[in-house]
Amino acid sequence: MRQTDLCRPGILAEVFAQPLLSKGRSKTALLSLPGEDNQFLLRNLKRGGLLGRYLDRLGISLRRSKEEIRINLALHLKGAPVPEPALILIERGKGGAIGTVYIEESLDGLAFLENDLPWITKSQSIRLFAQAIRKFHDVGGRHPDLQLKNLLIAFSPKPQAYVIDLDKARLGNPPTVRRRAKELMRLYRSLGKRNALHLIGREGIAIFVSEYCRSFDPQESRNLRKKLWQELLRAWRGVRLHALFYPDGMTSVKLPPRRFR
């Protein structure tokens, strides 16, 4: 597909008529352009809710889309582990799509956990996810929907984890420990909703928190670990209520006992 072809009417329908990489409201498809390393992951910008389809038809979602790619670029330039933004496609009355540089040989968090991998491999990857989220937070990133499918792990050229789908993400000062704990508990709840808590267990949770809190300064690491666990235990009360709606997944694994903390 030539670059000029991206401007013609019907391009969005054509791209998303190809085999999709993921389905649902946020469909993703692969766009290939001439030249080396010119593959892009396109994610459609269909909005949810009762007014979503009307906002798309009116083109009102353009501002939100531009803000997302602006934040994506700012985070990328600050060294956050996010995909490199590349383009926005907007077709009035048809919605739009955001394109990022395609990360080959990658899996989202849920697909990765569901793969039958040796525990040593899985534990190393849990550490990579923790490092990615810690870096994302340290540069000032805030993710309102930090959940399992919004994490990505790539295996080539070297293993690396990414935070993806930055709709409504924000960039500012590094978030407080309470804000960090709130986002991490959202990630924990997504494990329960996907019935995936048993795939990491208590040991996996302990590994994740320990790696998230790791620092060059041992005292700083201990202080963050202590404060983070306090906030996680405080947020745990909300998980009990959440478990009423997802009983199978949420009760399969509890937070690690004190000796792991």
Protein backbone atom coordinates (compact mmCIF):
# COMPACT_ATOMS: atom_id res chain seq x y z
CA MET A 1 0.00 0.00 0.00
CA ARG A 2 1.51 3.37 -1.02
CA GLN A 3 1.65 6.18 1.52
CA THR A 4 -0.59 8.38 -0.66
CA ASP A 5 -3.24 5.67 -0.54
CA LEU A 6 -3.77 6.44 3.14
CA CYS A 7 -5.65 9.62 2.17
CA ARG A 8 -8.32 8.06 0.02
CA PRO A 9 -11.91 7.48 1.23
CA GLY A 10 -12.64 4.06 2.65
CA ILE A 11 -9.10 3.40 3.84
CA LEU A 12 -10.21 2.58 7.40
CA ALA A 13 -12.74 0.00 6.25
CA GLU A 14 -10.10 -1.56 4.00
CA VAL A 15 -7.49 -1.80 6.73
CA PHE A 16 -9.84 -3.30 9.30
CA ALA A 17 -11.32 -5.72 6.75
CA GLN A 18 -7.97 -7.53 6.82
CA PRO A 19 -7.27 -10.27 9.41
CA LEU A 20 -7.36 -8.56 12.78
CA LEU A 21 -4.73 -8.90 15.48
CA SER A 22 -7.41 -8.34 18.13
CA LYS A 23 -11.18 -7.93 18.07
CA GLY A 24 -13.75 -6.25 20.29
CA ARG A 25 -14.34 -2.50 20.46
CA SER A 26 -10.63 -1.71 20.16
CA LYS A 27 -9.81 -3.64 17.01
CA THR A 28 -6.20 -3.73 15.90
CA ALA A 29 -4.82 -4.46 12.45
CA LEU A 30 -1.41 -4.44 10.80
CA LEU A 31 -0.58 -1.81 8.18
CA SER A 32 2.47 -2.38 5.96
CA LEU A 33 4.03 0.41 3.88
CA PRO A 34 6.94 0.19 1.42
CA GLY A 35 10.45 0.15 2.86
CA GLU A 36 12.18 -1.47 5.79
CA ASP A 37 10.62 -1.44 9.27
CA ASN A 38 7.46 0.19 7.95
CA GLN A 39 4.90 -1.91 9.75
CA PHE A 40 2.41 -0.17 11.99
CA LEU A 41 -0.17 -1.40 14.45
CA LEU A 42 -3.46 0.44 13.91
CA ARG A 43 -5.97 0.58 16.77
CA ASN A 44 -9.44 1.81 15.93
CA LEU A 45 -10.82 4.73 17.89
CA LYS A 46 -14.38 3.59 18.30
CA ARG A 47 -15.76 5.09 21.48
CA GLY A 48 -17.87 3.15 23.92
CA GLY A 49 -21.08 4.16 25.61
CA LEU A 50 -24.47 5.22 24.29
CA LEU A 51 -23.11 8.30 22.51
CA GLY A 52 -19.95 6.66 21.15
CA ARG A 53 -21.16 6.02 17.60
CA TYR A 54 -22.58 9.54 17.27
CA LEU A 55 -19.36 11.16 18.49
CA ASP A 56 -17.44 9.14 15.94
CA ARG A 57 -19.75 10.21 13.12
CA LEU A 58 -19.42 13.86 14.08
CA GLY A 59 -15.64 13.65 14.30
CA ILE A 60 -15.71 14.87 17.91
CA SER A 61 -13.29 12.14 18.96
CA LEU A 62 -10.49 13.80 16.94
CA ARG A 63 -9.42 16.00 19.85
CA ARG A 64 -9.23 13.00 22.17
CA SER A 65 -7.22 11.08 19.59
CA LYS A 66 -4.75 13.94 19.10
CA GLU A 67 -4.32 14.19 22.86
CA GLU A 68 -3.62 10.46 23.11
CA ILE A 69 -0.89 10.52 20.48
CA ARG A 70 0.58 13.71 22.00
CA ILE A 71 0.86 12.02 25.40
CA ASN A 72 2.19 8.86 23.72
CA LEU A 73 4.94 10.88 22.00
CA ALA A 74 5.82 12.82 25.17
CA LEU A 75 6.12 9.62 27.19
CA HIS A 76 8.20 7.98 24.45
CA LEU A 77 10.61 10.93 24.37
CA LYS A 78 10.99 10.77 28.16
CA GLY A 79 12.05 7.13 27.89
CA ALA A 80 8.83 5.51 29.06
CA PRO A 81 8.32 1.92 27.83
CA VAL A 82 5.51 2.73 25.40
CA PRO A 83 5.17 1.97 21.66
CA GLU A 84 6.56 4.63 19.34
CA PRO A 85 3.67 6.71 17.90
CA ALA A 86 3.58 7.10 14.12
CA LEU A 87 0.29 8.39 12.67
CA ILE A 88 -3.41 9.16 13.08
CA LEU A 89 -6.00 8.26 10.45
CA ILE A 90 -9.30 10.13 10.71
CA GLU A 91 -12.19 9.69 8.27
CA ARG A 92 -15.15 11.93 9.00
CA GLY A 93 -18.25 9.91 9.71
CA LYS A 94 -16.21 6.70 9.87
CA GLY A 95 -14.10 7.16 13.01
CA GLY A 96 -10.35 6.89 13.06
CA ALA A 97 -7.27 4.93 14.11
CA ILE A 98 -3.98 5.55 15.86
CA GLY A 99 -0.84 3.93 14.46
CA THR A 100 2.26 2.95 16.43
CA VAL A 101 5.41 1.23 15.22
CA TYR A 102 4.67 -2.51 15.21
CA ILE A 103 6.45 -4.51 17.89
CA GLU A 104 7.16 -7.95 16.47
CA GLU A 105 7.05 -11.24 18.37
CA SER A 106 4.96 -9.77 21.16
CA LEU A 107 2.03 -10.88 23.32
CA ASP A 108 -0.33 -8.94 25.55
CA GLY A 109 -0.28 -9.77 29.25
CA LEU A 110 -3.20 -12.19 29.15
CA ALA A 111 -1.97 -14.12 26.10
CA PHE A 112 1.46 -14.35 27.70
CA LEU A 113 0.17 -15.76 30.99
CA GLU A 114 -2.00 -18.29 29.19
CA ASN A 115 1.02 -19.66 27.33
CA ASP A 116 2.47 -22.82 28.83
CA LEU A 117 5.89 -21.43 29.80
CA PRO A 118 8.34 -22.68 32.43
CA TRP A 119 8.02 -20.78 35.73
CA ILE A 120 11.56 -19.40 35.45
CA THR A 121 10.61 -17.75 32.15
CA LYS A 122 7.32 -16.48 33.57
CA SER A 123 8.94 -15.05 36.70
CA GLN A 124 11.53 -13.19 34.60
CA SER A 125 8.73 -11.70 32.51
CA ILE A 126 6.79 -10.66 35.63
CA ARG A 127 9.88 -8.70 36.60
CA LEU A 128 9.94 -7.04 33.16
CA PHE A 129 6.28 -6.00 33.53
CA ALA A 130 7.05 -4.54 36.97
CA GLN A 131 10.07 -2.64 35.64
CA ALA A 132 8.03 -1.22 32.75
CA ILE A 133 5.23 0.06 34.99
CA ARG A 134 7.73 1.49 37.50
CA LYS A 135 9.52 3.37 34.70
CA PHE A 136 6.19 4.57 33.30
CA HIS A 137 5.25 5.97 36.71
CA ASP A 138 8.69 7.42 37.46
CA VAL A 139 8.69 9.61 34.33
CA GLY A 140 5.26 10.96 35.34
CA GLY A 141 2.87 8.65 33.47
CA ARG A 142 -0.62 7.91 34.75
CA HIS A 143 -2.71 5.16 33.15
CA PRO A 144 -6.46 5.17 33.96
CA ASP A 145 -6.93 1.63 32.64
CA LEU A 146 -3.86 -0.29 33.72
CA GLN A 147 -5.03 -3.84 33.08
CA LEU A 148 -3.67 -7.12 31.81
CA LYS A 149 -4.37 -6.58 28.10
CA ASN A 150 -2.83 -3.11 28.21
CA LEU A 151 0.58 -4.61 28.88
CA LEU A 152 2.75 -6.07 26.14
CA ILE A 153 5.87 -8.19 26.20
CA ALA A 154 8.20 -8.60 23.22
CA PHE A 155 10.83 -11.31 22.88
CA SER A 156 12.97 -9.92 20.03
CA PRO A 157 15.62 -8.54 19.73
CA LYS A 158 15.61 -8.78 23.53
CA PRO A 159 12.80 -9.33 26.07
CA GLN A 160 11.08 -6.05 26.93
CA ALA A 161 7.71 -5.06 28.37
CA TYR A 162 5.55 -2.11 27.30
CA VAL A 163 2.55 -0.15 28.59
CA ILE A 164 0.04 0.29 25.76
CA ASP A 165 -3.39 1.79 24.91
CA LEU A 166 -2.82 5.28 26.30
CA ASP A 167 -6.34 6.63 25.81
CA LYS A 168 -6.90 9.16 28.64
CA ALA A 169 -3.35 8.63 29.94
CA ARG A 170 -1.71 11.68 31.52
CA LEU A 171 1.82 13.00 31.98
CA GLY A 172 2.94 15.13 34.90
CA ASN A 173 4.92 14.76 38.09
CA PRO A 174 5.58 11.18 39.23
CA PRO A 175 2.38 9.90 40.87
CA THR A 176 2.09 9.52 44.62
CA VAL A 177 2.41 6.11 46.23
CA ARG A 178 -1.36 6.06 46.73
CA ARG A 179 -1.97 6.72 43.04
CA ARG A 180 0.54 4.02 42.11
CA ALA A 181 -1.18 1.55 44.41
CA LYS A 182 -4.56 2.44 42.92
CA GLU A 183 -3.34 1.65 39.40
CA LEU A 184 -1.60 -1.55 40.51
CA MET A 185 -4.76 -2.75 42.23
CA ARG A 186 -6.65 -2.13 39.01
CA LEU A 187 -4.14 -4.43 37.33
CA TYR A 188 -4.70 -6.97 40.10
CA ARG A 189 -8.48 -6.81 39.64
CA SER A 190 -8.05 -7.40 35.90
CA LEU A 191 -6.22 -10.63 36.74
CA GLY A 192 -9.24 -11.69 38.74
CA LYS A 193 -11.75 -10.68 36.07
CA ARG A 194 -9.80 -12.72 33.52
CA ASN A 195 -9.56 -15.62 35.99
CA ALA A 196 -5.77 -15.43 35.68
CA LEU A 197 -4.66 -14.90 39.29
CA HIS A 198 -3.86 -18.58 39.69
CA LEU A 199 -1.42 -18.28 36.77
CA ILE A 200 0.95 -16.15 38.87
CA GLY A 201 -0.06 -17.06 42.44
CA ARG A 202 1.17 -15.44 45.63
CA GLU A 203 4.79 -15.89 44.64
CA GLY A 204 4.23 -14.03 41.38
CA ILE A 205 2.56 -11.11 43.20
CA ALA A 206 5.47 -10.93 45.65
CA ILE A 207 8.00 -10.98 42.76
CA PHE A 208 6.11 -8.19 40.98
CA VAL A 209 5.95 -5.87 44.01
CA SER A 210 9.59 -6.52 44.97
CA GLU A 211 10.77 -5.72 41.43
CA TYR A 212 8.52 -2.64 41.19
CA CYS A 213 10.07 -1.28 44.39
CA ARG A 214 13.67 -2.10 43.46
CA SER A 215 16.03 0.90 43.51
CA PHE A 216 19.77 1.63 43.42
CA ASP A 217 19.34 2.98 46.96
CA PRO A 218 18.40 0.06 49.29
CA GLN A 219 16.83 2.42 51.83
CA GLU A 220 14.69 4.07 49.14
CA SER A 221 13.61 0.63 47.97
CA ARG A 222 12.62 -0.42 51.51
CA ASN A 223 10.68 2.80 52.10
CA LEU A 224 8.74 2.52 48.84
CA ARG A 225 8.03 -1.16 49.50
CA LYS A 226 6.68 -0.41 52.98
CA LYS A 227 4.48 2.49 51.82
CA LEU A 228 3.25 0.65 48.74
CA TRP A 229 2.18 -2.40 50.72
CA GLN A 230 0.32 -0.15 53.16
CA GLU A 231 -1.60 1.42 50.28
CA LEU A 232 -2.20 -1.95 48.58
CA LEU A 233 -3.68 -3.36 51.79
CA ARG A 234 -5.88 -0.28 52.11
CA ALA A 235 -7.07 -0.73 48.52
CA TRP A 236 -7.70 -4.43 49.18
CA ARG A 237 -11.00 -3.52 50.85
CA GLY A 238 -12.34 -2.43 47.48
CA VAL A 239 -11.28 -5.74 45.97
CA ARG A 240 -13.59 -7.58 48.37
CA LEU A 241 -16.55 -5.70 46.93
CA HIS A 242 -15.28 -6.29 43.39
CA ALA A 243 -15.07 -10.01 44.13
CA LEU A 244 -18.85 -10.18 44.48
CA PHE A 245 -19.09 -9.74 40.70
CA TYR A 246 -16.14 -11.99 39.77
CA PRO A 247 -16.15 -14.65 42.51
CA ASP A 248 -14.25 -17.38 40.66
CA GLY A 249 -11.26 -15.28 39.73
CA MET A 250 -11.02 -12.90 42.66
CA THR A 251 -11.00 -15.47 45.44
CA SER A 252 -8.53 -17.88 43.88
CA VAL A 253 -5.45 -16.03 45.20
CA LYS A 254 -5.12 -13.49 47.98
CA LEU A 255 -2.31 -11.04 48.64
CA PRO A 256 0.95 -12.67 49.80
CA PRO A 257 1.32 -13.28 53.55
CA ARG A 258 3.43 -10.87 55.58
CA ARG A 259 6.62 -12.93 55.31
CA PHE A 260 6.69 -12.18 51.55
CA ARG A 261 6.47 -8.44 52.11
